[in-house]
Each structure stands twice: as structure tokens, then as C-alpha cells.
Amino acid sequence: MSRVIVEVMLKPEILDPQGKAVHGALTRLGFGGVVDVRQGKRFELELDDEVTEERLAQIRNAAETLLSNPVIEDYTVKVEQS
């Protein structure tokens, strides 16, 4: 089995209200020194076999069409070594 991680984050130019809320809460709770917070999503895909280039292309397609909104989000795909 293999695992592929897809991480989705808002593009830098997009405002992140949830990140701002977390940043404010951290400050109120006394966690100083945090300059900014950006919130994102992480998907872990367990595969039944080895990761091939064809399989990675399928996962990138899923990331582009289902897991992210490419207008406002960027994503990365990486294979996690077992």
C-alpha cells in the first residue's frame, strides 16, 4: 500500500478569515510571536498498490477538480514513504 498526501491552501492573495480568527484566538490565549495564520486542508489517500506516474496524474486531476477550487486555492501532491 502507498499513501499520497494532497495539501490545499488558499492562494496568498486570497483573504483567510478562518486563519485570522485563529490568529486572534492565539493572541488572546497568550501565544505570542505568531505573525500570521493560514488555514488549509489535508487529504491522505491510501492506495492499494504502488504509486505510478499515471496514478499521480489521476490524483492531480482529482485535486484539481474535486479536492480544491483552483480559482482560489493551490494544492501540492506528495508521496509519503512507508
N, C-alpha and C. Protein backbone atom coordinates (compact mmCIF):
# COMPACT_ATOMS: atom_id res chain seq x y z
N MET A 1 0.84 -1.19 0.00
CA MET A 1 0.00 0.00 0.00
C MET A 1 0.88 1.24 0.00
N SER A 2 0.33 2.29 -0.53
CA SER A 2 1.02 3.57 -0.59
C SER A 2 0.09 4.66 -0.11
N ARG A 3 0.69 5.77 0.29
CA ARG A 3 -0.10 6.92 0.74
C ARG A 3 0.36 8.15 -0.03
N VAL A 4 -0.64 8.90 -0.50
CA VAL A 4 -0.37 10.17 -1.18
C VAL A 4 -1.08 11.27 -0.39
N ILE A 5 -0.35 12.34 -0.14
CA ILE A 5 -0.87 13.48 0.62
C ILE A 5 -1.17 14.62 -0.34
N VAL A 6 -2.39 15.15 -0.25
CA VAL A 6 -2.77 16.34 -1.02
C VAL A 6 -3.05 17.44 0.00
N GLU A 7 -2.26 18.52 -0.08
CA GLU A 7 -2.47 19.67 0.81
C GLU A 7 -3.01 20.82 -0.01
N VAL A 8 -4.07 21.43 0.49
CA VAL A 8 -4.77 22.51 -0.21
C VAL A 8 -4.73 23.76 0.66
N MET A 9 -4.28 24.86 0.08
CA MET A 9 -4.21 26.13 0.80
C MET A 9 -4.80 27.23 -0.07
N LEU A 10 -5.38 28.23 0.58
CA LEU A 10 -5.82 29.40 -0.16
C LEU A 10 -4.62 30.07 -0.80
N LYS A 11 -4.81 30.61 -1.99
CA LYS A 11 -3.73 31.35 -2.64
C LYS A 11 -3.35 32.54 -1.75
N PRO A 12 -2.09 32.97 -1.79
CA PRO A 12 -1.64 34.04 -0.90
C PRO A 12 -2.44 35.34 -1.01
N GLU A 13 -2.97 35.63 -2.19
CA GLU A 13 -3.70 36.88 -2.38
C GLU A 13 -5.16 36.81 -1.91
N ILE A 14 -5.62 35.62 -1.51
CA ILE A 14 -6.99 35.44 -1.03
C ILE A 14 -7.04 35.62 0.48
N LEU A 15 -7.98 36.43 0.95
CA LEU A 15 -8.14 36.63 2.39
C LEU A 15 -8.54 35.32 3.06
N ASP A 16 -8.05 35.10 4.27
CA ASP A 16 -8.30 33.86 5.01
C ASP A 16 -8.95 34.21 6.35
N PRO A 17 -10.28 34.40 6.39
CA PRO A 17 -10.94 34.79 7.63
C PRO A 17 -10.77 33.77 8.76
N GLN A 18 -10.76 32.48 8.43
CA GLN A 18 -10.58 31.48 9.48
C GLN A 18 -9.16 31.56 10.06
N GLY A 19 -8.19 31.76 9.21
CA GLY A 19 -6.82 31.95 9.69
C GLY A 19 -6.71 33.18 10.58
N LYS A 20 -7.37 34.25 10.21
CA LYS A 20 -7.36 35.47 11.03
C LYS A 20 -8.01 35.22 12.39
N ALA A 21 -9.12 34.45 12.40
CA ALA A 21 -9.79 34.13 13.66
C ALA A 21 -8.89 33.30 14.56
N VAL A 22 -8.20 32.33 13.99
CA VAL A 22 -7.27 31.51 14.78
C VAL A 22 -6.13 32.37 15.31
N HIS A 23 -5.62 33.26 14.47
CA HIS A 23 -4.54 34.16 14.90
C HIS A 23 -4.99 35.01 16.08
N GLY A 24 -6.19 35.56 15.99
CA GLY A 24 -6.72 36.36 17.10
C GLY A 24 -6.88 35.54 18.37
N ALA A 25 -7.35 34.30 18.23
CA ALA A 25 -7.52 33.43 19.41
C ALA A 25 -6.17 33.09 20.03
N LEU A 26 -5.18 32.82 19.21
CA LEU A 26 -3.85 32.53 19.74
C LEU A 26 -3.32 33.71 20.55
N THR A 27 -3.50 34.90 20.03
CA THR A 27 -3.05 36.11 20.73
C THR A 27 -3.78 36.26 22.06
N ARG A 28 -5.09 36.08 22.04
CA ARG A 28 -5.87 36.20 23.28
C ARG A 28 -5.49 35.15 24.32
N LEU A 29 -5.07 33.98 23.85
CA LEU A 29 -4.68 32.91 24.76
C LEU A 29 -3.23 33.01 25.22
N GLY A 30 -2.55 34.06 24.78
CA GLY A 30 -1.18 34.29 25.25
C GLY A 30 -0.09 33.66 24.42
N PHE A 31 -0.41 33.14 23.25
CA PHE A 31 0.61 32.58 22.37
C PHE A 31 1.20 33.71 21.53
N GLY A 32 2.22 34.36 22.06
CA GLY A 32 2.83 35.50 21.39
C GLY A 32 3.79 35.06 20.29
N GLY A 33 4.15 36.01 19.47
CA GLY A 33 5.14 35.78 18.44
C GLY A 33 4.59 35.20 17.15
N VAL A 34 3.30 34.91 17.09
CA VAL A 34 2.70 34.39 15.85
C VAL A 34 2.31 35.59 15.00
N VAL A 35 2.90 35.69 13.83
CA VAL A 35 2.68 36.85 12.96
C VAL A 35 1.44 36.67 12.08
N ASP A 36 1.21 35.45 11.59
CA ASP A 36 0.08 35.22 10.69
C ASP A 36 -0.30 33.75 10.76
N VAL A 37 -1.54 33.44 10.42
CA VAL A 37 -2.02 32.06 10.36
C VAL A 37 -2.80 31.91 9.06
N ARG A 38 -2.50 30.84 8.34
CA ARG A 38 -3.26 30.46 7.14
C ARG A 38 -3.81 29.06 7.39
N GLN A 39 -5.07 28.86 7.11
CA GLN A 39 -5.73 27.58 7.36
C GLN A 39 -5.89 26.85 6.03
N GLY A 40 -5.73 25.53 6.05
CA GLY A 40 -5.87 24.75 4.83
C GLY A 40 -6.49 23.40 5.09
N LYS A 41 -6.40 22.53 4.08
CA LYS A 41 -6.96 21.18 4.17
C LYS A 41 -5.87 20.18 3.80
N ARG A 42 -5.94 18.99 4.40
CA ARG A 42 -5.01 17.91 4.10
C ARG A 42 -5.82 16.65 3.84
N PHE A 43 -5.53 16.02 2.71
CA PHE A 43 -6.17 14.76 2.34
C PHE A 43 -5.11 13.67 2.27
N GLU A 44 -5.37 12.54 2.90
CA GLU A 44 -4.47 11.39 2.85
C GLU A 44 -5.17 10.30 2.05
N LEU A 45 -4.61 9.95 0.91
CA LEU A 45 -5.19 8.93 0.05
C LEU A 45 -4.37 7.65 0.18
N GLU A 46 -4.99 6.59 0.68
CA GLU A 46 -4.35 5.28 0.78
C GLU A 46 -4.61 4.54 -0.53
N LEU A 47 -3.55 4.09 -1.17
CA LEU A 47 -3.67 3.38 -2.44
C LEU A 47 -3.40 1.90 -2.23
N ASP A 48 -4.03 1.07 -3.06
CA ASP A 48 -3.88 -0.38 -2.90
C ASP A 48 -2.62 -0.94 -3.52
N ASP A 49 -1.86 -0.10 -4.25
CA ASP A 49 -0.62 -0.58 -4.86
C ASP A 49 0.39 0.55 -4.93
N GLU A 50 1.44 0.35 -5.70
CA GLU A 50 2.50 1.35 -5.82
C GLU A 50 2.01 2.59 -6.56
N VAL A 51 2.67 3.70 -6.28
CA VAL A 51 2.34 4.96 -6.93
C VAL A 51 3.12 5.04 -8.25
N THR A 52 2.38 5.13 -9.33
CA THR A 52 2.99 5.29 -10.66
C THR A 52 2.73 6.71 -11.14
N GLU A 53 3.41 7.08 -12.20
CA GLU A 53 3.18 8.41 -12.78
C GLU A 53 1.74 8.56 -13.25
N GLU A 54 1.18 7.49 -13.80
CA GLU A 54 -0.22 7.53 -14.24
C GLU A 54 -1.15 7.74 -13.05
N ARG A 55 -0.89 7.04 -11.97
CA ARG A 55 -1.71 7.18 -10.76
C ARG A 55 -1.59 8.59 -10.18
N LEU A 56 -0.36 9.13 -10.17
CA LEU A 56 -0.17 10.51 -9.69
C LEU A 56 -0.92 11.50 -10.56
N ALA A 57 -0.95 11.27 -11.85
CA ALA A 57 -1.69 12.15 -12.76
C ALA A 57 -3.18 12.11 -12.43
N GLN A 58 -3.70 10.93 -12.11
CA GLN A 58 -5.11 10.81 -11.72
C GLN A 58 -5.38 11.56 -10.42
N ILE A 59 -4.46 11.45 -9.48
CA ILE A 59 -4.63 12.13 -8.19
C ILE A 59 -4.56 13.65 -8.38
N ARG A 60 -3.64 14.11 -9.22
CA ARG A 60 -3.57 15.55 -9.50
C ARG A 60 -4.87 16.04 -10.15
N ASN A 61 -5.45 15.23 -11.02
CA ASN A 61 -6.73 15.57 -11.64
C ASN A 61 -7.82 15.66 -10.57
N ALA A 62 -7.84 14.71 -9.63
CA ALA A 62 -8.82 14.76 -8.54
C ALA A 62 -8.60 16.00 -7.68
N ALA A 63 -7.34 16.34 -7.42
CA ALA A 63 -7.04 17.52 -6.62
C ALA A 63 -7.53 18.78 -7.33
N GLU A 64 -7.38 18.82 -8.62
CA GLU A 64 -7.78 19.98 -9.42
C GLU A 64 -9.30 20.11 -9.53
N THR A 65 -10.00 18.97 -9.63
CA THR A 65 -11.44 19.03 -9.93
C THR A 65 -12.34 18.80 -8.72
N LEU A 66 -11.84 18.13 -7.68
CA LEU A 66 -12.69 17.79 -6.55
C LEU A 66 -12.18 18.34 -5.21
N LEU A 67 -10.89 18.16 -4.95
CA LEU A 67 -10.35 18.47 -3.63
C LEU A 67 -10.04 19.95 -3.44
N SER A 68 -9.89 20.69 -4.51
CA SER A 68 -9.58 22.11 -4.40
C SER A 68 -10.43 22.93 -5.35
N ASN A 69 -10.46 24.22 -5.09
CA ASN A 69 -11.06 25.18 -6.01
C ASN A 69 -9.90 25.95 -6.63
N PRO A 70 -9.47 25.59 -7.84
CA PRO A 70 -8.26 26.20 -8.40
C PRO A 70 -8.33 27.70 -8.64
N VAL A 71 -9.51 28.28 -8.55
CA VAL A 71 -9.62 29.73 -8.70
C VAL A 71 -9.03 30.43 -7.47
N ILE A 72 -9.24 29.85 -6.28
CA ILE A 72 -8.79 30.50 -5.06
C ILE A 72 -7.81 29.67 -4.23
N GLU A 73 -7.55 28.42 -4.65
CA GLU A 73 -6.68 27.55 -3.86
C GLU A 73 -5.56 26.95 -4.70
N ASP A 74 -4.42 26.72 -4.04
CA ASP A 74 -3.31 25.97 -4.60
C ASP A 74 -3.27 24.62 -3.90
N TYR A 75 -2.66 23.65 -4.54
CA TYR A 75 -2.52 22.34 -3.90
C TYR A 75 -1.15 21.76 -4.21
N THR A 76 -0.70 20.88 -3.34
CA THR A 76 0.51 20.10 -3.57
C THR A 76 0.17 18.63 -3.40
N VAL A 77 0.86 17.81 -4.15
CA VAL A 77 0.69 16.36 -4.07
C VAL A 77 2.05 15.76 -3.77
N LYS A 78 2.13 14.93 -2.73
CA LYS A 78 3.40 14.28 -2.44
C LYS A 78 3.14 12.85 -1.98
N VAL A 79 4.09 11.99 -2.29
CA VAL A 79 4.02 10.59 -1.91
C VAL A 79 4.71 10.45 -0.56
N GLU A 80 4.01 9.82 0.37
CA GLU A 80 4.59 9.58 1.70
C GLU A 80 5.26 8.22 1.70
N GLN A 81 6.52 8.22 2.07
CA GLN A 81 7.28 6.98 2.10
C GLN A 81 6.88 6.15 3.31
N SER A 82 6.73 4.85 3.13
CA SER A 82 6.35 3.99 4.26
C SER A 82 7.57 3.40 4.94
